[in-house]
């Protein structure tokens, strides 16, 4: 079957390939790689924000720290993506592409990491043994969505 012969299912304004499945190892590997890059970018801003408040002792509410950590995680992820993509395209195009990445994926990653942190530590605290748990949750949460975007929509952030 040629790519132009694919059958699509129309779902509102979204068309999804009728032959979609969750079994493509190539797509899982690509989705995992894309998710890992996003995790690196998001973690820099997220962990940096939490550590800042942890080290300075500034008395902010946990919710406010977590919201700021999510925002900073999104910003550092976009900055990292812009730097990576600027090797392949003009800086302005790289920035627009980075901003056009899936915010659903990044936000779900950030929220998952922060939920684990609060549930395990009781607040906005970075402890060495909690970091792997936060990273695991941050990686696994958006992975199926990233696979779906690649497989069904052929859209990736990298």
C-alpha atoms as a PDB file:
ATOM      1  CA  UNK A   1       0.000   0.000   0.000  1.00  0.00           C
ATOM      2  CA  UNK A   2       1.418   3.389  -0.973  1.00  0.00           C
ATOM      3  CA  UNK A   3       1.335   6.256   1.511  1.00  0.00           C
ATOM      4  CA  UNK A   4      -1.174   8.030  -0.723  1.00  0.00           C
ATOM      5  CA  UNK A   5      -3.484   4.977  -0.617  1.00  0.00           C
ATOM      6  CA  UNK A   6      -3.895   4.985   3.169  1.00  0.00           C
ATOM      7  CA  UNK A   7      -7.433   4.918   4.468  1.00  0.00           C
ATOM      8  CA  UNK A   8      -8.260   7.531   7.060  1.00  0.00           C
ATOM      9  CA  UNK A   9     -10.941   7.742   9.698  1.00  0.00           C
ATOM     10  CA  UNK A  10     -12.392  11.235  10.039  1.00  0.00           C
ATOM     11  CA  UNK A  11     -12.872  12.328  13.666  1.00  0.00           C
ATOM     12  CA  UNK A  12     -14.174  15.893  13.606  1.00  0.00           C
ATOM     13  CA  UNK A  13     -11.345  17.922  12.121  1.00  0.00           C
ATOM     14  CA  UNK A  14      -8.815  15.135  12.761  1.00  0.00           C
ATOM     15  CA  UNK A  15      -8.034  12.351  10.313  1.00  0.00           C
ATOM     16  CA  UNK A  16      -6.367   9.254  11.750  1.00  0.00           C
ATOM     17  CA  UNK A  17      -4.890   6.423   9.703  1.00  0.00           C
ATOM     18  CA  UNK A  18      -7.245   3.422   9.788  1.00  0.00           C
ATOM     19  CA  UNK A  19      -4.277   1.050  10.166  1.00  0.00           C
ATOM     20  CA  UNK A  20      -3.081   2.656  13.449  1.00  0.00           C
ATOM     21  CA  UNK A  21      -1.616   0.219  15.999  1.00  0.00           C
ATOM     22  CA  UNK A  22       0.499   0.283  19.140  1.00  0.00           C
ATOM     23  CA  UNK A  23       2.971  -2.392  17.965  1.00  0.00           C
ATOM     24  CA  UNK A  24       5.517  -0.476  15.860  1.00  0.00           C
ATOM     25  CA  UNK A  25       8.935  -0.796  17.555  1.00  0.00           C
ATOM     26  CA  UNK A  26      10.447   1.889  15.310  1.00  0.00           C
ATOM     27  CA  UNK A  27       7.794   4.398  16.392  1.00  0.00           C
ATOM     28  CA  UNK A  28       8.200   3.452  20.079  1.00  0.00           C
ATOM     29  CA  UNK A  29      11.971   4.054  19.801  1.00  0.00           C
ATOM     30  CA  UNK A  30      11.464   7.401  18.092  1.00  0.00           C
ATOM     31  CA  UNK A  31       8.790   8.431  20.613  1.00  0.00           C
ATOM     32  CA  UNK A  32      11.116   7.434  23.473  1.00  0.00           C
ATOM     33  CA  UNK A  33      13.973   9.487  22.006  1.00  0.00           C
ATOM     34  CA  UNK A  34      11.735  12.536  21.533  1.00  0.00           C
ATOM     35  CA  UNK A  35      10.320  12.131  25.043  1.00  0.00           C
ATOM     36  CA  UNK A  36      13.824  11.877  26.512  1.00  0.00           C
ATOM     37  CA  UNK A  37      14.917  15.162  24.903  1.00  0.00           C
ATOM     38  CA  UNK A  38      11.795  16.832  26.237  1.00  0.00           C
ATOM     39  CA  UNK A  39      12.427  15.338  29.684  1.00  0.00           C
ATOM     40  CA  UNK A  40      15.955  16.733  29.761  1.00  0.00           C
ATOM     41  CA  UNK A  41      14.746  20.219  28.882  1.00  0.00           C
ATOM     42  CA  UNK A  42      11.800  20.162  31.249  1.00  0.00           C
ATOM     43  CA  UNK A  43      13.845  18.746  34.128  1.00  0.00           C
ATOM     44  CA  UNK A  44      16.418  21.525  33.994  1.00  0.00           C
ATOM     45  CA  UNK A  45      13.832  24.229  34.673  1.00  0.00           C
ATOM     46  CA  UNK A  46      11.697  22.132  36.991  1.00  0.00           C
ATOM     47  CA  UNK A  47      14.489  20.874  39.243  1.00  0.00           C
ATOM     48  CA  UNK A  48      16.281  24.222  39.146  1.00  0.00           C
ATOM     49  CA  UNK A  49      13.188  26.032  40.396  1.00  0.00           C
ATOM     50  CA  UNK A  50      12.500  23.562  43.186  1.00  0.00           C
ATOM     51  CA  UNK A  51      16.163  23.577  44.256  1.00  0.00           C
ATOM     52  CA  UNK A  52      16.227  27.380  44.261  1.00  0.00           C
ATOM     53  CA  UNK A  53      13.367  27.520  46.745  1.00  0.00           C
ATOM     54  CA  UNK A  54      14.771  24.604  48.734  1.00  0.00           C
ATOM     55  CA  UNK A  55      18.207  26.227  49.108  1.00  0.00           C
ATOM     56  CA  UNK A  56      17.062  29.817  49.681  1.00  0.00           C
ATOM     57  CA  UNK A  57      14.253  28.941  52.072  1.00  0.00           C
ATOM     58  CA  UNK A  58      11.949  31.552  50.549  1.00  0.00           C
ATOM     59  CA  UNK A  59       8.561  30.786  52.137  1.00  0.00           C
ATOM     60  CA  UNK A  60       6.350  30.241  49.075  1.00  0.00           C
ATOM     61  CA  UNK A  61       3.374  27.867  49.071  1.00  0.00           C
ATOM     62  CA  UNK A  62       4.077  24.451  47.544  1.00  0.00           C
ATOM     63  CA  UNK A  63       1.453  25.015  44.833  1.00  0.00           C
ATOM     64  CA  UNK A  64       3.069  28.294  43.764  1.00  0.00           C
ATOM     65  CA  UNK A  65       6.510  26.664  43.606  1.00  0.00           C
ATOM     66  CA  UNK A  66       5.133  23.783  41.528  1.00  0.00           C
ATOM     67  CA  UNK A  67       3.338  26.115  39.091  1.00  0.00           C
ATOM     68  CA  UNK A  68       6.532  28.139  38.666  1.00  0.00           C
ATOM     69  CA  UNK A  69       8.503  24.893  38.233  1.00  0.00           C
ATOM     70  CA  UNK A  70       6.144  23.805  35.426  1.00  0.00           C
ATOM     71  CA  UNK A  71       6.451  27.176  33.671  1.00  0.00           C
ATOM     72  CA  UNK A  72      10.243  27.167  33.980  1.00  0.00           C
ATOM     73  CA  UNK A  73      10.350  23.558  32.787  1.00  0.00           C
ATOM     74  CA  UNK A  74       8.392  24.495  29.674  1.00  0.00           C
ATOM     75  CA  UNK A  75      10.662  27.481  29.024  1.00  0.00           C
ATOM     76  CA  UNK A  76      13.892  25.496  29.406  1.00  0.00           C
ATOM     77  CA  UNK A  77      12.515  22.736  27.192  1.00  0.00           C
ATOM     78  CA  UNK A  78      11.710  25.287  24.482  1.00  0.00           C
ATOM     79  CA  UNK A  79      15.174  26.844  24.899  1.00  0.00           C
ATOM     80  CA  UNK A  80      16.900  23.445  24.577  1.00  0.00           C
ATOM     81  CA  UNK A  81      14.811  22.534  21.531  1.00  0.00           C
ATOM     82  CA  UNK A  82      15.598  25.892  19.925  1.00  0.00           C
ATOM     83  CA  UNK A  83      19.318  25.287  20.441  1.00  0.00           C
ATOM     84  CA  UNK A  84      19.106  21.772  18.982  1.00  0.00           C
ATOM     85  CA  UNK A  85      16.949  22.796  16.026  1.00  0.00           C
ATOM     86  CA  UNK A  86      19.071  25.881  15.254  1.00  0.00           C
ATOM     87  CA  UNK A  87      21.725  23.517  13.905  1.00  0.00           C
ATOM     88  CA  UNK A  88      19.223  22.443  11.227  1.00  0.00           C
ATOM     89  CA  UNK A  89      17.424  25.725  10.490  1.00  0.00           C
ATOM     90  CA  UNK A  90      17.492  29.463  11.079  1.00  0.00           C
ATOM     91  CA  UNK A  91      17.195  30.554  14.703  1.00  0.00           C
ATOM     92  CA  UNK A  92      13.776  32.193  14.221  1.00  0.00           C
ATOM     93  CA  UNK A  93      12.416  29.049  12.555  1.00  0.00           C
ATOM     94  CA  UNK A  94      13.942  26.887  15.281  1.00  0.00           C
ATOM     95  CA  UNK A  95      12.242  28.985  17.954  1.00  0.00           C
ATOM     96  CA  UNK A  96       8.856  28.812  16.195  1.00  0.00           C
ATOM     97  CA  UNK A  97       9.207  25.044  15.799  1.00  0.00           C
ATOM     98  CA  UNK A  98      10.184  24.627  19.459  1.00  0.00           C
ATOM     99  CA  UNK A  99       7.188  26.712  20.541  1.00  0.00           C
ATOM    100  CA  UNK A 100       4.954  24.577  18.335  1.00  0.00           C
ATOM    101  CA  UNK A 101       5.899  21.364  20.124  1.00  0.00           C
ATOM    102  CA  UNK A 102       3.175  19.494  21.902  1.00  0.00           C
ATOM    103  CA  UNK A 103       2.344  21.402  25.049  1.00  0.00           C
ATOM    104  CA  UNK A 104       0.085  18.509  26.081  1.00  0.00           C
ATOM    105  CA  UNK A 105       3.121  16.256  26.260  1.00  0.00           C
ATOM    106  CA  UNK A 106       5.288  18.764  28.122  1.00  0.00           C
ATOM    107  CA  UNK A 107       2.602  19.769  30.617  1.00  0.00           C
ATOM    108  CA  UNK A 108       1.691  16.140  31.378  1.00  0.00           C
ATOM    109  CA  UNK A 109       5.389  15.401  31.930  1.00  0.00           C
ATOM    110  CA  UNK A 110       5.812  18.356  34.276  1.00  0.00           C
ATOM    111  CA  UNK A 111       2.642  17.628  36.253  1.00  0.00           C
ATOM    112  CA  UNK A 112       3.571  13.942  36.646  1.00  0.00           C
ATOM    113  CA  UNK A 113       7.029  14.813  37.977  1.00  0.00           C
ATOM    114  CA  UNK A 114       5.651  17.331  40.452  1.00  0.00           C
ATOM    115  CA  UNK A 115       2.862  15.021  41.655  1.00  0.00           C
ATOM    116  CA  UNK A 116       5.473  12.350  42.438  1.00  0.00           C
ATOM    117  CA  UNK A 117       7.579  14.915  44.283  1.00  0.00           C
ATOM    118  CA  UNK A 118       4.673  16.085  46.448  1.00  0.00           C
ATOM    119  CA  UNK A 119       3.376  12.558  47.122  1.00  0.00           C
ATOM    120  CA  UNK A 120       6.775  11.183  48.095  1.00  0.00           C
ATOM    121  CA  UNK A 121       8.335  14.154  49.914  1.00  0.00           C
ATOM    122  CA  UNK A 122       5.207  15.976  51.061  1.00  0.00           C
ATOM    123  CA  UNK A 123       6.248  19.209  49.368  1.00  0.00           C
ATOM    124  CA  UNK A 124       8.468  20.849  46.783  1.00  0.00           C
ATOM    125  CA  UNK A 125      11.706  19.126  47.791  1.00  0.00           C
ATOM    126  CA  UNK A 126      14.441  17.502  45.740  1.00  0.00           C
ATOM    127  CA  UNK A 127      15.974  14.474  47.464  1.00  0.00           C
ATOM    128  CA  UNK A 128      18.457  12.366  45.494  1.00  0.00           C
ATOM    129  CA  UNK A 129      16.426   9.143  45.648  1.00  0.00           C
ATOM    130  CA  UNK A 130      13.203  10.894  44.549  1.00  0.00           C
ATOM    131  CA  UNK A 131      14.737  12.252  41.330  1.00  0.00           C
ATOM    132  CA  UNK A 132      14.720   8.868  39.492  1.00  0.00           C
ATOM    133  CA  UNK A 133      11.058   8.382  40.462  1.00  0.00           C
ATOM    134  CA  UNK A 134      10.189  11.857  39.192  1.00  0.00           C
ATOM    135  CA  UNK A 135      12.073  11.265  35.938  1.00  0.00           C
ATOM    136  CA  UNK A 136      10.417   7.884  35.422  1.00  0.00           C
ATOM    137  CA  UNK A 137       6.950   9.371  35.910  1.00  0.00           C
ATOM    138  CA  UNK A 138       7.861  12.302  33.671  1.00  0.00           C
ATOM    139  CA  UNK A 139       9.059   9.950  30.937  1.00  0.00           C
ATOM    140  CA  UNK A 140       6.260   7.367  31.042  1.00  0.00           C
ATOM    141  CA  UNK A 141       3.318   9.768  31.313  1.00  0.00           C
ATOM    142  CA  UNK A 142       3.588  11.436  27.866  1.00  0.00           C
ATOM    143  CA  UNK A 143       5.178   8.465  26.058  1.00  0.00           C
ATOM    144  CA  UNK A 144       1.928   6.890  24.761  1.00  0.00           C
ATOM    145  CA  UNK A 145       0.675  10.305  23.603  1.00  0.00           C
ATOM    146  CA  UNK A 146       3.980  10.961  21.812  1.00  0.00           C
ATOM    147  CA  UNK A 147       3.759   7.533  20.140  1.00  0.00           C
ATOM    148  CA  UNK A 148       0.202   8.301  19.040  1.00  0.00           C
ATOM    149  CA  UNK A 149       1.231  11.698  17.617  1.00  0.00           C
ATOM    150  CA  UNK A 150       4.003  10.042  15.635  1.00  0.00           C
ATOM    151  CA  UNK A 151       2.006   7.041  14.442  1.00  0.00           C
ATOM    152  CA  UNK A 152      -1.433   8.527  13.826  1.00  0.00           C
ATOM    153  CA  UNK A 153      -0.567  12.109  12.925  1.00  0.00           C
ATOM    154  CA  UNK A 154       3.084  11.781  11.860  1.00  0.00           C
ATOM    155  CA  UNK A 155       3.935  14.749  14.107  1.00  0.00           C
ATOM    156  CA  UNK A 156       7.033  14.987  16.237  1.00  0.00           C
ATOM    157  CA  UNK A 157       8.761  17.779  18.079  1.00  0.00           C
ATOM    158  CA  UNK A 158      12.232  16.693  16.887  1.00  0.00           C
END
